[in-house]
């Protein structure tokens, strides 16, 4: 499954891990030096939650930023019980 937010379209971004060795100059050393650079990916903070989209309740993967901004409309709480409707139909 793709790690993409359904509302904002936010996805993974490329980056680097930079390995350094040595002691910083302000700590009394001769400075730090880069010894290796390796590739890495930064993933968005996705949450799987129930969302109301076009009158339908669906499970959607949404970024935490979208939830904080208020882009998500949550469905109303259920007030009925499953047993009650099953007994009414029978």
Protein backbone atom coordinates (compact mmCIF):
# COMPACT_ATOMS: atom_id res chain seq x y z
CA UNK A 1 0.00 0.00 0.00
CA UNK A 2 1.36 3.42 -0.93
CA UNK A 3 2.32 5.69 1.96
CA UNK A 4 0.39 8.70 0.62
CA UNK A 5 -2.13 10.92 2.41
CA UNK A 6 -5.53 10.87 0.66
CA UNK A 7 -6.31 14.49 1.52
CA UNK A 8 -3.02 16.36 1.15
CA UNK A 9 -1.16 14.02 -1.22
CA UNK A 10 1.85 14.05 1.08
CA UNK A 11 4.20 11.11 0.45
CA UNK A 12 7.73 9.91 1.26
CA UNK A 13 10.66 12.26 0.55
CA UNK A 14 14.29 11.35 -0.13
CA UNK A 15 17.11 12.45 2.13
CA UNK A 16 20.48 11.49 3.54
CA UNK A 17 21.97 10.18 6.77
CA UNK A 18 25.28 11.99 7.32
CA UNK A 19 27.83 10.17 9.50
CA UNK A 20 30.29 12.46 11.23
CA UNK A 21 33.36 11.75 13.34
CA UNK A 22 35.55 13.96 15.48
CA UNK A 23 35.02 16.47 18.24
CA UNK A 24 33.40 19.87 17.61
CA UNK A 25 35.68 22.92 17.70
CA UNK A 26 33.65 24.63 20.43
CA UNK A 27 34.09 21.50 22.58
CA UNK A 28 37.88 21.69 22.22
CA UNK A 29 38.40 19.45 19.19
CA UNK A 30 39.72 20.09 15.68
CA UNK A 31 36.23 19.89 14.11
CA UNK A 32 33.94 17.17 12.81
CA UNK A 33 34.37 15.49 9.43
CA UNK A 34 31.86 13.68 7.22
CA UNK A 35 32.84 10.02 6.89
CA UNK A 36 29.83 8.58 5.03
CA UNK A 37 26.53 9.63 3.46
CA UNK A 38 23.77 7.05 2.94
CA UNK A 39 20.32 7.42 1.38
CA UNK A 40 17.16 7.34 3.48
CA UNK A 41 13.44 8.15 3.19
CA UNK A 42 11.29 10.40 5.36
CA UNK A 43 7.75 9.00 5.68
CA UNK A 44 4.66 11.08 6.47
CA UNK A 45 2.91 10.51 9.82
CA UNK A 46 -0.12 8.61 8.49
CA UNK A 47 -3.14 7.48 10.51
CA UNK A 48 -5.87 5.10 9.37
CA UNK A 49 -9.16 6.62 10.47
CA UNK A 50 -12.86 6.65 9.67
CA UNK A 51 -13.75 9.73 7.62
CA UNK A 52 -16.97 11.10 6.14
CA UNK A 53 -16.41 11.59 2.39
CA UNK A 54 -19.35 12.51 0.08
CA UNK A 55 -21.87 11.22 2.62
CA UNK A 56 -20.09 7.84 2.97
CA UNK A 57 -18.09 6.60 5.92
CA UNK A 58 -14.73 5.19 4.79
CA UNK A 59 -11.40 4.18 6.25
CA UNK A 60 -8.71 6.47 4.85
CA UNK A 61 -5.00 6.97 5.50
CA UNK A 62 -4.59 10.61 6.53
CA UNK A 63 -1.52 12.62 7.55
CA UNK A 64 -1.41 13.96 11.11
CA UNK A 65 -0.99 17.46 9.70
CA UNK A 66 -4.34 17.17 7.88
CA UNK A 67 -6.04 16.08 11.11
CA UNK A 68 -4.55 19.05 12.99
CA UNK A 69 -5.65 21.49 10.28
CA UNK A 70 -9.23 20.23 10.50
CA UNK A 71 -9.41 18.87 6.94
CA UNK A 72 -10.97 15.65 8.26
CA UNK A 73 -14.70 15.37 9.02
CA UNK A 74 -15.35 12.48 11.36
CA UNK A 75 -18.59 10.48 11.08
CA UNK A 76 -21.26 10.84 13.78
CA UNK A 77 -21.28 8.31 16.64
CA UNK A 78 -23.53 5.28 16.22
CA UNK A 79 -26.59 5.36 18.46
CA UNK A 80 -28.11 2.01 17.41
CA UNK A 81 -27.04 -1.51 18.29
CA UNK A 82 -26.44 -4.30 15.75
CA UNK A 83 -28.69 -6.81 17.59
CA UNK A 84 -31.65 -4.40 17.56
CA UNK A 85 -31.62 -3.98 13.76
CA UNK A 86 -31.09 -7.71 13.15
CA UNK A 87 -34.11 -8.54 15.33
CA UNK A 88 -36.23 -5.88 13.57
CA UNK A 89 -35.43 -7.31 10.10
CA UNK A 90 -36.31 -10.89 11.11
